[in-house]
Amino acid sequence: MAVQFVAKKKRTGGTRPKTVITPLNQPGRLRVGHLLTLLSISATTFYRRLNAGVIPEADGSDGKPYWKTETVRAFLESGK
């Protein structure tokens, strides 16, 4: 009987903060990395807050979740 080894999927290292270049007062989309920068939190903290309902659900997904700038602006102004 031959033993087969299955290669493990290589991890990419997770989500990293990204520079926000879209002004929040103009229409646009922000990704998780942008929100990490705006909120100054880690990816782990972000997903914990998202699952707890503290951070609003994504407005959509095109393979990756995104938030509209108006949603993010309203969230930041609410002070939560």
N, C-alpha and C. Protein backbone atom coordinates (compact mmCIF):
# COMPACT_ATOMS: atom_id res chain seq x y z
N MET A 1 0.84 -1.17 0.00
CA MET A 1 0.00 0.00 0.00
C MET A 1 0.89 1.23 0.00
N ALA A 2 0.69 2.11 -0.95
CA ALA A 2 1.48 3.34 -1.06
C ALA A 2 0.84 4.45 -0.24
N VAL A 3 1.68 5.23 0.40
CA VAL A 3 1.21 6.37 1.19
C VAL A 3 1.32 7.61 0.33
N GLN A 4 0.25 8.36 0.26
CA GLN A 4 0.26 9.61 -0.51
C GLN A 4 0.24 10.78 0.45
N PHE A 5 1.02 11.76 0.13
CA PHE A 5 1.05 12.98 0.92
C PHE A 5 0.34 14.07 0.14
N VAL A 6 -0.51 14.79 0.82
CA VAL A 6 -1.24 15.88 0.19
C VAL A 6 -0.60 17.18 0.64
N ALA A 7 -0.22 17.99 -0.32
CA ALA A 7 0.40 19.28 0.02
C ALA A 7 -0.63 20.18 0.68
N LYS A 8 -0.22 20.84 1.75
CA LYS A 8 -1.10 21.79 2.43
C LYS A 8 -1.17 23.07 1.63
N LYS A 9 -2.34 23.68 1.70
CA LYS A 9 -2.51 24.96 1.02
C LYS A 9 -1.66 26.02 1.72
N LYS A 10 -0.93 26.75 0.94
CA LYS A 10 -0.05 27.78 1.49
C LYS A 10 -0.88 28.97 1.94
N ARG A 11 -0.63 29.44 3.13
CA ARG A 11 -1.35 30.60 3.66
C ARG A 11 -0.69 31.88 3.16
N THR A 12 -1.49 32.87 2.92
CA THR A 12 -0.97 34.12 2.38
C THR A 12 -0.59 35.13 3.45
N GLY A 13 -0.96 34.88 4.70
CA GLY A 13 -0.58 35.81 5.75
C GLY A 13 -1.71 36.71 6.21
N GLY A 14 -2.88 36.59 5.62
CA GLY A 14 -4.03 37.34 6.08
C GLY A 14 -4.16 38.72 5.47
N THR A 15 -5.11 39.44 6.01
CA THR A 15 -5.42 40.77 5.51
C THR A 15 -4.47 41.79 6.12
N ARG A 16 -3.98 42.67 5.29
CA ARG A 16 -3.07 43.72 5.76
C ARG A 16 -3.73 45.08 5.58
N PRO A 17 -3.40 46.03 6.45
CA PRO A 17 -3.93 47.39 6.29
C PRO A 17 -3.50 47.98 4.94
N LYS A 18 -4.40 48.78 4.36
CA LYS A 18 -4.12 49.43 3.09
C LYS A 18 -4.39 50.92 3.21
N THR A 19 -3.65 51.71 2.46
CA THR A 19 -3.83 53.15 2.45
C THR A 19 -5.17 53.50 1.82
N VAL A 20 -5.91 54.39 2.46
CA VAL A 20 -7.20 54.82 1.93
C VAL A 20 -6.96 56.01 1.02
N ILE A 21 -7.25 55.84 -0.27
CA ILE A 21 -7.04 56.93 -1.22
C ILE A 21 -8.36 57.53 -1.69
N THR A 22 -9.48 56.89 -1.36
CA THR A 22 -10.80 57.39 -1.74
C THR A 22 -11.31 58.29 -0.62
N PRO A 23 -11.62 59.55 -0.92
CA PRO A 23 -12.20 60.41 0.12
C PRO A 23 -13.55 59.86 0.57
N LEU A 24 -13.83 59.92 1.87
CA LEU A 24 -15.07 59.37 2.38
C LEU A 24 -16.29 60.19 2.02
N ASN A 25 -16.08 61.41 1.50
CA ASN A 25 -17.22 62.24 1.10
C ASN A 25 -17.57 62.06 -0.37
N GLN A 26 -16.94 61.10 -1.04
CA GLN A 26 -17.23 60.81 -2.44
C GLN A 26 -17.60 59.33 -2.57
N PRO A 27 -18.40 58.98 -3.58
CA PRO A 27 -18.77 57.57 -3.75
C PRO A 27 -17.54 56.70 -4.00
N GLY A 28 -17.54 55.53 -3.42
CA GLY A 28 -16.45 54.60 -3.62
C GLY A 28 -16.65 53.35 -2.78
N ARG A 29 -15.73 52.43 -2.93
CA ARG A 29 -15.77 51.18 -2.18
C ARG A 29 -14.51 51.03 -1.35
N LEU A 30 -14.68 50.51 -0.14
CA LEU A 30 -13.55 50.25 0.74
C LEU A 30 -13.53 48.77 1.09
N ARG A 31 -12.34 48.23 1.16
CA ARG A 31 -12.14 46.82 1.47
C ARG A 31 -11.75 46.67 2.94
N VAL A 32 -11.61 45.44 3.39
CA VAL A 32 -11.24 45.15 4.78
C VAL A 32 -9.94 45.86 5.14
N GLY A 33 -8.95 45.81 4.27
CA GLY A 33 -7.66 46.45 4.55
C GLY A 33 -7.79 47.95 4.79
N HIS A 34 -8.69 48.59 4.06
CA HIS A 34 -8.91 50.03 4.26
C HIS A 34 -9.53 50.28 5.63
N LEU A 35 -10.49 49.42 6.01
CA LEU A 35 -11.13 49.60 7.31
C LEU A 35 -10.14 49.35 8.46
N LEU A 36 -9.22 48.43 8.26
CA LEU A 36 -8.19 48.21 9.28
C LEU A 36 -7.40 49.48 9.53
N THR A 37 -7.08 50.19 8.45
CA THR A 37 -6.34 51.44 8.58
C THR A 37 -7.18 52.51 9.25
N LEU A 38 -8.41 52.69 8.79
CA LEU A 38 -9.28 53.73 9.35
C LEU A 38 -9.57 53.52 10.83
N LEU A 39 -9.74 52.26 11.23
CA LEU A 39 -10.08 51.95 12.61
C LEU A 39 -8.86 51.68 13.49
N SER A 40 -7.71 51.56 12.87
CA SER A 40 -6.45 51.26 13.59
C SER A 40 -6.58 50.02 14.46
N ILE A 41 -7.06 48.93 13.83
CA ILE A 41 -7.22 47.67 14.54
C ILE A 41 -6.63 46.53 13.70
N SER A 42 -6.43 45.39 14.33
CA SER A 42 -5.92 44.22 13.62
C SER A 42 -7.06 43.51 12.91
N ALA A 43 -6.70 42.60 12.02
CA ALA A 43 -7.71 41.83 11.30
C ALA A 43 -8.53 40.96 12.27
N THR A 44 -7.88 40.40 13.28
CA THR A 44 -8.59 39.58 14.25
C THR A 44 -9.65 40.40 14.98
N THR A 45 -9.27 41.59 15.44
CA THR A 45 -10.20 42.47 16.14
C THR A 45 -11.32 42.89 15.20
N PHE A 46 -10.98 43.19 13.95
CA PHE A 46 -11.99 43.60 12.97
C PHE A 46 -13.06 42.51 12.82
N TYR A 47 -12.64 41.27 12.60
CA TYR A 47 -13.60 40.20 12.39
C TYR A 47 -14.40 39.88 13.65
N ARG A 48 -13.79 40.03 14.82
CA ARG A 48 -14.55 39.85 16.07
C ARG A 48 -15.64 40.90 16.18
N ARG A 49 -15.31 42.15 15.89
CA ARG A 49 -16.30 43.23 15.96
C ARG A 49 -17.37 43.07 14.88
N LEU A 50 -16.99 42.63 13.71
CA LEU A 50 -17.94 42.40 12.62
C LEU A 50 -18.93 41.31 13.01
N ASN A 51 -18.43 40.21 13.56
CA ASN A 51 -19.30 39.11 13.99
C ASN A 51 -20.19 39.50 15.16
N ALA A 52 -19.73 40.42 16.01
CA ALA A 52 -20.51 40.88 17.15
C ALA A 52 -21.54 41.94 16.75
N GLY A 53 -21.47 42.41 15.51
CA GLY A 53 -22.42 43.42 15.04
C GLY A 53 -22.02 44.84 15.33
N VAL A 54 -20.81 45.05 15.82
CA VAL A 54 -20.33 46.40 16.12
C VAL A 54 -20.00 47.13 14.82
N ILE A 55 -19.40 46.44 13.89
CA ILE A 55 -19.07 46.99 12.57
C ILE A 55 -20.18 46.57 11.62
N PRO A 56 -20.69 47.48 10.79
CA PRO A 56 -21.78 47.12 9.88
C PRO A 56 -21.39 46.04 8.88
N GLU A 57 -22.37 45.25 8.48
CA GLU A 57 -22.16 44.22 7.46
C GLU A 57 -21.71 44.87 6.16
N ALA A 58 -21.00 44.11 5.35
CA ALA A 58 -20.54 44.61 4.05
C ALA A 58 -21.73 44.95 3.17
N ASP A 59 -21.57 45.98 2.35
CA ASP A 59 -22.62 46.38 1.42
C ASP A 59 -22.72 45.46 0.23
N GLY A 60 -21.68 44.73 -0.04
CA GLY A 60 -21.69 43.82 -1.18
C GLY A 60 -20.42 43.01 -1.25
N SER A 61 -20.36 42.17 -2.27
CA SER A 61 -19.19 41.34 -2.47
C SER A 61 -19.04 41.04 -3.96
N ASP A 62 -17.83 41.19 -4.44
CA ASP A 62 -17.52 40.81 -5.81
C ASP A 62 -16.38 39.78 -5.76
N GLY A 63 -16.51 38.89 -4.81
CA GLY A 63 -15.45 37.93 -4.51
C GLY A 63 -14.76 38.30 -3.22
N LYS A 64 -14.77 39.57 -2.91
CA LYS A 64 -14.24 40.11 -1.65
C LYS A 64 -15.27 41.11 -1.12
N PRO A 65 -15.47 41.15 0.20
CA PRO A 65 -16.46 42.09 0.73
C PRO A 65 -16.01 43.54 0.56
N TYR A 66 -16.99 44.41 0.38
CA TYR A 66 -16.69 45.84 0.30
C TYR A 66 -17.78 46.63 1.01
N TRP A 67 -17.40 47.81 1.47
CA TRP A 67 -18.31 48.74 2.11
C TRP A 67 -18.31 50.02 1.29
N LYS A 68 -19.47 50.62 1.12
CA LYS A 68 -19.56 51.90 0.43
C LYS A 68 -19.03 52.98 1.38
N THR A 69 -18.44 54.00 0.79
CA THR A 69 -17.86 55.07 1.63
C THR A 69 -18.92 55.72 2.50
N GLU A 70 -20.14 55.82 2.02
CA GLU A 70 -21.20 56.44 2.82
C GLU A 70 -21.52 55.60 4.06
N THR A 71 -21.45 54.29 3.96
CA THR A 71 -21.67 53.41 5.10
C THR A 71 -20.56 53.59 6.13
N VAL A 72 -19.34 53.63 5.66
CA VAL A 72 -18.18 53.79 6.55
C VAL A 72 -18.22 55.16 7.22
N ARG A 73 -18.52 56.19 6.45
CA ARG A 73 -18.59 57.54 7.01
C ARG A 73 -19.64 57.62 8.12
N ALA A 74 -20.83 57.04 7.88
CA ALA A 74 -21.90 57.04 8.88
C ALA A 74 -21.47 56.27 10.13
N PHE A 75 -20.78 55.16 9.93
CA PHE A 75 -20.29 54.37 11.07
C PHE A 75 -19.28 55.16 11.89
N LEU A 76 -18.33 55.80 11.22
CA LEU A 76 -17.31 56.58 11.93
C LEU A 76 -17.92 57.77 12.66
N GLU A 77 -18.92 58.40 12.06
CA GLU A 77 -19.57 59.56 12.68
C GLU A 77 -20.41 59.16 13.88
N SER A 78 -20.87 57.90 13.90
CA SER A 78 -21.69 57.43 15.01
C SER A 78 -20.86 57.25 16.29
N GLY A 79 -19.53 57.12 16.12
CA GLY A 79 -18.63 57.01 17.26
C GLY A 79 -18.61 55.66 17.93
N LYS A 80 -19.09 54.63 17.26
CA LYS A 80 -19.12 53.29 17.86
C LYS A 80 -17.78 52.66 17.84
